[in-house]
Amino acid sequence: MKNIILFWIAVLCVSCSSSRFYTSDVKPYEINEMIKFEPLSFISFIEKWNNDIYNDSISEYAQMVLNESLDSFWEILRLSPDEIFMIDDIERNEFEQEINLLISMAENNKKKHDIPITPLIESLLNEFDKRFGLIILQDGFTRSKRNYNRQVALSIGMGILTGISGVSTYQTPVKANSTLYAIIVDNKEKNVAFFNKSVLQNKEPTDKENIIKQLNALFTKYFW
């Protein structure tokens, strides 16, 4: 049954790009259980010109879809029945800052140095007596239909003008984007055990099928 699930997950991953992931010395088979931190989504909406503005309602919906999509990977990712949720705005803000710090350190970690876990994340793992924790963050945008059509028209117009000189620079604008980050933190070794990101363009960041593609891309060649 598991082989069938993995086959269909692999099929869904087509057109989804991911970076070369980072891992510590911990092997995938050593991660026998992970507790999931509350997934976070930050989605902007572009309505006028190319100004992207964070949108609460779209982000909340995207977060709900992300959480539901993770349920499809519950067994394969060996997730614990327990989950960690932020109880107040101060804690949530600190949690978001720590995730951004871990992402920044991971993306700039060219020499593969150990990436230490941060204080709040460590304390939450201690509270639940868990060694491994899974953190998922989504960043992305979507456009209004009117804005997208306008940007396409402008791009075509510019392409025609530059094409007169024999060089065409027409490029279709990106309609939507979803960037998904995955971090596995190790409370025993006090570092990041795994980091990866997946970028999916021109697909809506609130579409469940798209999110499942990205989640699969994140962990391919590591857990399966």
C-alpha atoms as a PDB file:
ATOM      1  CA  MET A   1       0.000   0.000   0.000  1.00  0.00           C
ATOM      2  CA  LYS A   2       2.814   2.396   0.923  1.00  0.00           C
ATOM      3  CA  ASN A   3       4.521   1.778  -2.446  1.00  0.00           C
ATOM      4  CA  ILE A   4       1.318   2.784  -4.238  1.00  0.00           C
ATOM      5  CA  ILE A   5       1.092   5.981  -2.183  1.00  0.00           C
ATOM      6  CA  LEU A   6       4.713   6.860  -2.952  1.00  0.00           C
ATOM      7  CA  PHE A   7       4.150   6.222  -6.669  1.00  0.00           C
ATOM      8  CA  TRP A   8       1.267   8.682  -6.854  1.00  0.00           C
ATOM      9  CA  ILE A   9       3.137  11.245  -4.787  1.00  0.00           C
ATOM     10  CA  ALA A  10       6.028  11.014  -7.251  1.00  0.00           C
ATOM     11  CA  VAL A  11       3.639  11.575 -10.158  1.00  0.00           C
ATOM     12  CA  LEU A  12       2.274  14.695  -8.481  1.00  0.00           C
ATOM     13  CA  CYS A  13       5.752  16.180  -8.144  1.00  0.00           C
ATOM     14  CA  VAL A  14       6.151  16.936 -11.864  1.00  0.00           C
ATOM     15  CA  SER A  15       6.870  20.657 -12.571  1.00  0.00           C
ATOM     16  CA  CYS A  16       7.867  21.357  -8.989  1.00  0.00           C
ATOM     17  CA  SER A  17      11.431  22.532  -8.359  1.00  0.00           C
ATOM     18  CA  SER A  18      13.330  22.146  -5.124  1.00  0.00           C
ATOM     19  CA  SER A  19      16.796  23.123  -4.025  1.00  0.00           C
ATOM     20  CA  ARG A  20      19.551  20.722  -2.978  1.00  0.00           C
ATOM     21  CA  PHE A  21      18.658  19.987   0.613  1.00  0.00           C
ATOM     22  CA  TYR A  22      20.858  20.358   3.682  1.00  0.00           C
ATOM     23  CA  THR A  23      21.182  17.607   6.299  1.00  0.00           C
ATOM     24  CA  SER A  24      23.132  17.068   9.477  1.00  0.00           C
ATOM     25  CA  ASP A  25      24.783  13.740  10.326  1.00  0.00           C
ATOM     26  CA  VAL A  26      21.396  12.308  11.336  1.00  0.00           C
ATOM     27  CA  LYS A  27      20.123   9.686   8.891  1.00  0.00           C
ATOM     28  CA  PRO A  28      16.480   9.631   7.771  1.00  0.00           C
ATOM     29  CA  TYR A  29      15.822   6.258   9.421  1.00  0.00           C
ATOM     30  CA  GLU A  30      16.888   7.739  12.787  1.00  0.00           C
ATOM     31  CA  ILE A  31      13.949  10.150  12.644  1.00  0.00           C
ATOM     32  CA  ASN A  32      11.357   7.711  13.913  1.00  0.00           C
ATOM     33  CA  GLU A  33       8.930  10.385  15.131  1.00  0.00           C
ATOM     34  CA  MET A  34       8.464  14.129  14.623  1.00  0.00           C
ATOM     35  CA  ILE A  35       6.152  16.584  16.298  1.00  0.00           C
ATOM     36  CA  LYS A  36       4.623  19.090  13.890  1.00  0.00           C
ATOM     37  CA  PHE A  37       4.799  22.787  14.654  1.00  0.00           C
ATOM     38  CA  GLU A  38       1.847  24.864  13.481  1.00  0.00           C
ATOM     39  CA  PRO A  39       2.426  25.501   9.738  1.00  0.00           C
ATOM     40  CA  LEU A  40       2.615  29.146   8.682  1.00  0.00           C
ATOM     41  CA  SER A  41       1.539  30.800   5.416  1.00  0.00           C
ATOM     42  CA  PHE A  42       2.259  34.363   4.305  1.00  0.00           C
ATOM     43  CA  ILE A  43       0.496  35.125   1.040  1.00  0.00           C
ATOM     44  CA  SER A  44       0.431  38.524  -0.664  1.00  0.00           C
ATOM     45  CA  PHE A  45      -2.225  39.744  -3.081  1.00  0.00           C
ATOM     46  CA  ILE A  46      -1.309  41.858  -6.108  1.00  0.00           C
ATOM     47  CA  GLU A  47      -4.220  43.974  -7.269  1.00  0.00           C
ATOM     48  CA  LYS A  48      -2.760  47.269  -8.495  1.00  0.00           C
ATOM     49  CA  TRP A  49       0.403  47.593 -10.527  1.00  0.00           C
ATOM     50  CA  ASN A  50       2.964  45.183  -9.076  1.00  0.00           C
ATOM     51  CA  ASN A  51       2.518  46.050  -5.416  1.00  0.00           C
ATOM     52  CA  ASP A  52       2.225  42.877  -3.348  1.00  0.00           C
ATOM     53  CA  ILE A  53       0.345  43.404  -0.079  1.00  0.00           C
ATOM     54  CA  TYR A  54       0.068  40.775   2.642  1.00  0.00           C
ATOM     55  CA  ASN A  55      -3.479  39.427   2.777  1.00  0.00           C
ATOM     56  CA  ASP A  56      -4.849  38.016   6.047  1.00  0.00           C
ATOM     57  CA  SER A  57      -7.755  36.041   4.660  1.00  0.00           C
ATOM     58  CA  ILE A  58      -5.795  34.415   1.819  1.00  0.00           C
ATOM     59  CA  SER A  59      -2.950  33.562   4.211  1.00  0.00           C
ATOM     60  CA  GLU A  60      -5.334  31.983   6.733  1.00  0.00           C
ATOM     61  CA  TYR A  61      -6.944  29.902   4.004  1.00  0.00           C
ATOM     62  CA  ALA A  62      -3.540  28.877   2.624  1.00  0.00           C
ATOM     63  CA  GLN A  63      -2.458  27.825   6.110  1.00  0.00           C
ATOM     64  CA  MET A  64      -5.563  25.662   6.474  1.00  0.00           C
ATOM     65  CA  VAL A  65      -4.888  24.005   3.098  1.00  0.00           C
ATOM     66  CA  LEU A  66      -1.235  23.487   4.036  1.00  0.00           C
ATOM     67  CA  ASN A  67      -2.233  21.805   7.285  1.00  0.00           C
ATOM     68  CA  GLU A  68      -4.704  19.530   5.494  1.00  0.00           C
ATOM     69  CA  SER A  69      -2.094  18.654   2.871  1.00  0.00           C
ATOM     70  CA  LEU A  70       0.364  17.608   5.570  1.00  0.00           C
ATOM     71  CA  ASP A  71      -2.184  15.069   6.777  1.00  0.00           C
ATOM     72  CA  SER A  72      -1.578  13.156   3.532  1.00  0.00           C
ATOM     73  CA  PHE A  73       2.037  12.623   4.641  1.00  0.00           C
ATOM     74  CA  TRP A  74       1.321  11.837   8.288  1.00  0.00           C
ATOM     75  CA  GLU A  75       2.415   8.211   8.235  1.00  0.00           C
ATOM     76  CA  ILE A  76       5.276   8.578   5.761  1.00  0.00           C
ATOM     77  CA  LEU A  77       6.790  11.504   7.691  1.00  0.00           C
ATOM     78  CA  ARG A  78       6.284   9.646  10.981  1.00  0.00           C
ATOM     79  CA  LEU A  79       4.438  12.562  12.575  1.00  0.00           C
ATOM     80  CA  SER A  80       3.440  12.433  16.220  1.00  0.00           C
ATOM     81  CA  PRO A  81      -0.248  12.703  17.242  1.00  0.00           C
ATOM     82  CA  ASP A  82       0.809  15.794  19.207  1.00  0.00           C
ATOM     83  CA  GLU A  83       1.079  19.223  17.574  1.00  0.00           C
ATOM     84  CA  ILE A  84       2.608  22.492  18.756  1.00  0.00           C
ATOM     85  CA  PHE A  85       0.488  25.637  18.391  1.00  0.00           C
ATOM     86  CA  MET A  86       1.435  29.190  19.358  1.00  0.00           C
ATOM     87  CA  ILE A  87      -0.758  30.332  22.240  1.00  0.00           C
ATOM     88  CA  ASP A  88      -0.403  34.120  21.964  1.00  0.00           C
ATOM     89  CA  ASP A  89       0.729  36.838  19.579  1.00  0.00           C
ATOM     90  CA  ILE A  90       4.034  37.462  21.371  1.00  0.00           C
ATOM     91  CA  GLU A  91       5.008  33.797  21.161  1.00  0.00           C
ATOM     92  CA  ARG A  92       3.848  33.584  17.558  1.00  0.00           C
ATOM     93  CA  ASN A  93       5.907  36.636  16.608  1.00  0.00           C
ATOM     94  CA  GLU A  94       8.986  35.169  18.292  1.00  0.00           C
ATOM     95  CA  PHE A  95       8.371  31.841  16.550  1.00  0.00           C
ATOM     96  CA  GLU A  96       8.149  33.553  13.155  1.00  0.00           C
ATOM     97  CA  GLN A  97      11.387  35.447  13.809  1.00  0.00           C
ATOM     98  CA  GLU A  98      13.198  32.259  14.782  1.00  0.00           C
ATOM     99  CA  ILE A  99      12.003  30.446  11.662  1.00  0.00           C
ATOM    100  CA  ASN A 100      13.170  33.325   9.458  1.00  0.00           C
ATOM    101  CA  LEU A 101      16.547  33.191  11.211  1.00  0.00           C
ATOM    102  CA  LEU A 102      16.873  29.434  10.630  1.00  0.00           C
ATOM    103  CA  ILE A 103      15.936  29.828   6.963  1.00  0.00           C
ATOM    104  CA  SER A 104      18.467  32.637   6.535  1.00  0.00           C
ATOM    105  CA  MET A 105      21.231  30.598   8.181  1.00  0.00           C
ATOM    106  CA  ALA A 106      20.370  27.503   6.122  1.00  0.00           C
ATOM    107  CA  GLU A 107      20.315  29.350   2.801  1.00  0.00           C
ATOM    108  CA  ASN A 108      23.647  31.024   3.533  1.00  0.00           C
ATOM    109  CA  ASN A 109      25.289  27.898   4.907  1.00  0.00           C
ATOM    110  CA  LYS A 110      27.665  27.313   1.999  1.00  0.00           C
ATOM    111  CA  LYS A 111      30.211  25.313   4.013  1.00  0.00           C
ATOM    112  CA  LYS A 112      27.616  23.032   5.617  1.00  0.00           C
ATOM    113  CA  HIS A 113      28.280  24.122   9.196  1.00  0.00           C
ATOM    114  CA  ASP A 114      25.884  22.984  11.916  1.00  0.00           C
ATOM    115  CA  ILE A 115      22.838  25.241  12.217  1.00  0.00           C
ATOM    116  CA  PRO A 116      21.906  25.656  15.910  1.00  0.00           C
ATOM    117  CA  ILE A 117      18.255  25.576  16.935  1.00  0.00           C
ATOM    118  CA  THR A 118      16.758  28.689  18.493  1.00  0.00           C
ATOM    119  CA  PRO A 119      15.611  29.211  22.128  1.00  0.00           C
ATOM    120  CA  LEU A 120      11.806  29.166  21.754  1.00  0.00           C
ATOM    121  CA  ILE A 121      11.825  26.155  19.420  1.00  0.00           C
ATOM    122  CA  GLU A 122      14.123  24.307  21.825  1.00  0.00           C
ATOM    123  CA  SER A 123      11.905  25.102  24.827  1.00  0.00           C
ATOM    124  CA  LEU A 124       8.771  23.923  23.005  1.00  0.00           C
ATOM    125  CA  LEU A 125      10.435  20.617  22.100  1.00  0.00           C
ATOM    126  CA  ASN A 126      11.487  20.239  25.737  1.00  0.00           C
ATOM    127  CA  GLU A 127       7.939  20.937  26.883  1.00  0.00           C
ATOM    128  CA  PHE A 128       6.599  18.095  24.735  1.00  0.00           C
ATOM    129  CA  ASP A 129       9.635  15.883  25.434  1.00  0.00           C
ATOM    130  CA  LYS A 130      10.332  15.419  21.707  1.00  0.00           C
ATOM    131  CA  ARG A 131      13.656  15.105  19.936  1.00  0.00           C
ATOM    132  CA  PHE A 132      12.555  16.002  16.395  1.00  0.00           C
ATOM    133  CA  GLY A 133      10.192  18.746  15.236  1.00  0.00           C
ATOM    134  CA  LEU A 134       8.885  19.582  11.763  1.00  0.00           C
ATOM    135  CA  ILE A 135       8.494  23.221  10.744  1.00  0.00           C
ATOM    136  CA  ILE A 136       6.778  24.181   7.488  1.00  0.00           C
ATOM    137  CA  LEU A 137       6.511  27.766   6.234  1.00  0.00           C
ATOM    138  CA  GLN A 138       4.935  29.005   3.015  1.00  0.00           C
ATOM    139  CA  ASP A 139       5.633  32.325   1.322  1.00  0.00           C
ATOM    140  CA  GLY A 140       3.908  33.364  -1.883  1.00  0.00           C
ATOM    141  CA  PHE A 141       1.607  35.625  -3.831  1.00  0.00           C
ATOM    142  CA  THR A 142      -1.341  35.625  -6.179  1.00  0.00           C
ATOM    143  CA  ARG A 143      -2.757  38.263  -8.507  1.00  0.00           C
ATOM    144  CA  SER A 144      -6.206  39.530  -9.248  1.00  0.00           C
ATOM    145  CA  LYS A 145      -7.441  38.507 -12.695  1.00  0.00           C
ATOM    146  CA  ARG A 146      -7.560  42.158 -13.772  1.00  0.00           C
ATOM    147  CA  ASN A 147      -3.977  42.777 -12.668  1.00  0.00           C
ATOM    148  CA  TYR A 148      -2.671  39.680 -14.420  1.00  0.00           C
ATOM    149  CA  ASN A 149      -4.424  40.538 -17.698  1.00  0.00           C
ATOM    150  CA  ARG A 150      -3.040  44.075 -17.503  1.00  0.00           C
ATOM    151  CA  GLN A 151       0.522  42.844 -16.917  1.00  0.00           C
ATOM    152  CA  VAL A 152       0.235  40.397 -19.824  1.00  0.00           C
ATOM    153  CA  ALA A 153      -0.971  43.216 -22.114  1.00  0.00           C
ATOM    154  CA  LEU A 154       1.902  45.455 -20.997  1.00  0.00           C
ATOM    155  CA  SER A 155       4.440  42.660 -21.568  1.00  0.00           C
ATOM    156  CA  ILE A 156       3.106  41.977 -25.053  1.00  0.00           C
ATOM    157  CA  GLY A 157       3.202  45.707 -25.844  1.00  0.00           C
ATOM    158  CA  MET A 158       6.803  45.986 -24.719  1.00  0.00           C
ATOM    159  CA  GLY A 159       7.684  42.861 -26.700  1.00  0.00           C
ATOM    160  CA  ILE A 160       6.235  44.361 -29.884  1.00  0.00           C
ATOM    161  CA  LEU A 161       8.129  47.616 -29.384  1.00  0.00           C
ATOM    162  CA  THR A 162      11.479  45.949 -28.764  1.00  0.00           C
ATOM    163  CA  GLY A 163      10.802  43.464 -31.556  1.00  0.00           C
ATOM    164  CA  ILE A 164      10.951  46.310 -34.071  1.00  0.00           C
ATOM    165  CA  SER A 165      14.695  46.485 -33.481  1.00  0.00           C
ATOM    166  CA  GLY A 166      14.979  42.770 -34.122  1.00  0.00           C
ATOM    167  CA  VAL A 167      15.146  41.701 -30.483  1.00  0.00           C
ATOM    168  CA  SER A 168      12.028  40.514 -28.672  1.00  0.00           C
ATOM    169  CA  THR A 169      11.993  40.632 -24.863  1.00  0.00           C
ATOM    170  CA  TYR A 170       8.383  39.568 -24.333  1.00  0.00           C
ATOM    171  CA  GLN A 171       8.041  37.626 -21.105  1.00  0.00           C
ATOM    172  CA  THR A 172       4.771  36.478 -19.558  1.00  0.00           C
ATOM    173  CA  PRO A 173       4.469  37.738 -15.970  1.00  0.00           C
ATOM    174  CA  VAL A 174       4.338  35.221 -13.138  1.00  0.00           C
ATOM    175  CA  LYS A 175       0.684  34.767 -12.205  1.00  0.00           C
ATOM    176  CA  ALA A 176       1.241  33.244  -8.781  1.00  0.00           C
ATOM    177  CA  ASN A 177       4.003  31.759  -6.664  1.00  0.00           C
ATOM    178  CA  SER A 178       4.374  29.417  -3.710  1.00  0.00           C
ATOM    179  CA  THR A 179       7.670  28.876  -1.908  1.00  0.00           C
ATOM    180  CA  LEU A 180       7.604  26.162   0.731  1.00  0.00           C
ATOM    181  CA  TYR A 181      10.306  25.745   3.375  1.00  0.00           C
ATOM    182  CA  ALA A 182      10.775  22.609   5.473  1.00  0.00           C
ATOM    183  CA  ILE A 183      12.967  22.442   8.579  1.00  0.00           C
ATOM    184  CA  ILE A 184      13.490  19.445  10.844  1.00  0.00           C
ATOM    185  CA  VAL A 185      15.011  20.445  14.183  1.00  0.00           C
ATOM    186  CA  ASP A 186      16.937  18.032  16.407  1.00  0.00           C
ATOM    187  CA  ASN A 187      16.614  18.739  20.130  1.00  0.00           C
ATOM    188  CA  LYS A 188      19.211  16.140  21.101  1.00  0.00           C
ATOM    189  CA  GLU A 189      21.982  17.497  18.900  1.00  0.00           C
ATOM    190  CA  LYS A 190      20.621  21.067  19.238  1.00  0.00           C
ATOM    191  CA  ASN A 191      20.773  21.717  15.510  1.00  0.00           C
ATOM    192  CA  VAL A 192      18.874  21.559  12.235  1.00  0.00           C
ATOM    193  CA  ALA A 193      18.703  17.991  10.928  1.00  0.00           C
ATOM    194  CA  PHE A 194      17.166  18.844   7.546  1.00  0.00           C
ATOM    195  CA  PHE A 195      16.368  21.912   5.437  1.00  0.00           C
ATOM    196  CA  ASN A 196      14.906  22.258   1.979  1.00  0.00           C
ATOM    197  CA  LYS A 197      12.711  24.590  -0.045  1.00  0.00           C
ATOM    198  CA  SER A 198      10.425  24.124  -3.031  1.00  0.00           C
ATOM    199  CA  VAL A 199       9.384  26.818  -5.515  1.00  0.00           C
ATOM    200  CA  LEU A 200       6.283  26.477  -7.657  1.00  0.00           C
ATOM    201  CA  GLN A 201       5.448  29.277 -10.111  1.00  0.00           C
ATOM    202  CA  ASN A 202       2.230  30.084 -11.940  1.00  0.00           C
ATOM    203  CA  LYS A 203       0.290  27.796  -9.602  1.00  0.00           C
ATOM    204  CA  GLU A 204      -2.029  29.101  -6.916  1.00  0.00           C
ATOM    205  CA  PRO A 205      -0.538  28.903  -3.384  1.00  0.00           C
ATOM    206  CA  THR A 206      -3.945  27.954  -1.965  1.00  0.00           C
ATOM    207  CA  ASP A 207      -4.513  24.924  -4.194  1.00  0.00           C
ATOM    208  CA  LYS A 208      -4.216  21.647  -2.274  1.00  0.00           C
ATOM    209  CA  GLU A 209      -2.898  19.636  -5.223  1.00  0.00           C
ATOM    210  CA  ASN A 210      -0.121  22.187  -5.735  1.00  0.00           C
ATOM    211  CA  ILE A 211       0.847  22.086  -2.057  1.00  0.00           C
ATOM    212  CA  ILE A 212       0.980  18.277  -2.053  1.00  0.00           C
ATOM    213  CA  LYS A 213       3.328  18.453  -5.067  1.00  0.00           C
ATOM    214  CA  GLN A 214       5.608  20.781  -3.155  1.00  0.00           C
ATOM    215  CA  LEU A 215       5.584  18.754   0.043  1.00  0.00           C
ATOM    216  CA  ASN A 216       6.595  15.718  -1.963  1.00  0.00           C
ATOM    217  CA  ALA A 217       9.383  17.666  -3.693  1.00  0.00           C
ATOM    218  CA  LEU A 218      10.733  18.796  -0.329  1.00  0.00           C
ATOM    219  CA  PHE A 219      11.340  15.295   1.022  1.00  0.00           C
ATOM    220  CA  THR A 220      12.107  13.332  -2.156  1.00  0.00           C
ATOM    221  CA  LYS A 221      15.536  11.656  -1.980  1.00  0.00           C
ATOM    222  CA  TYR A 222      15.537  12.019   1.799  1.00  0.00           C
ATOM    223  CA  PHE A 223      12.580  10.144   3.284  1.00  0.00           C
ATOM    224  CA  TRP A 224      11.731   8.388   0.014  1.00  0.00           C
END
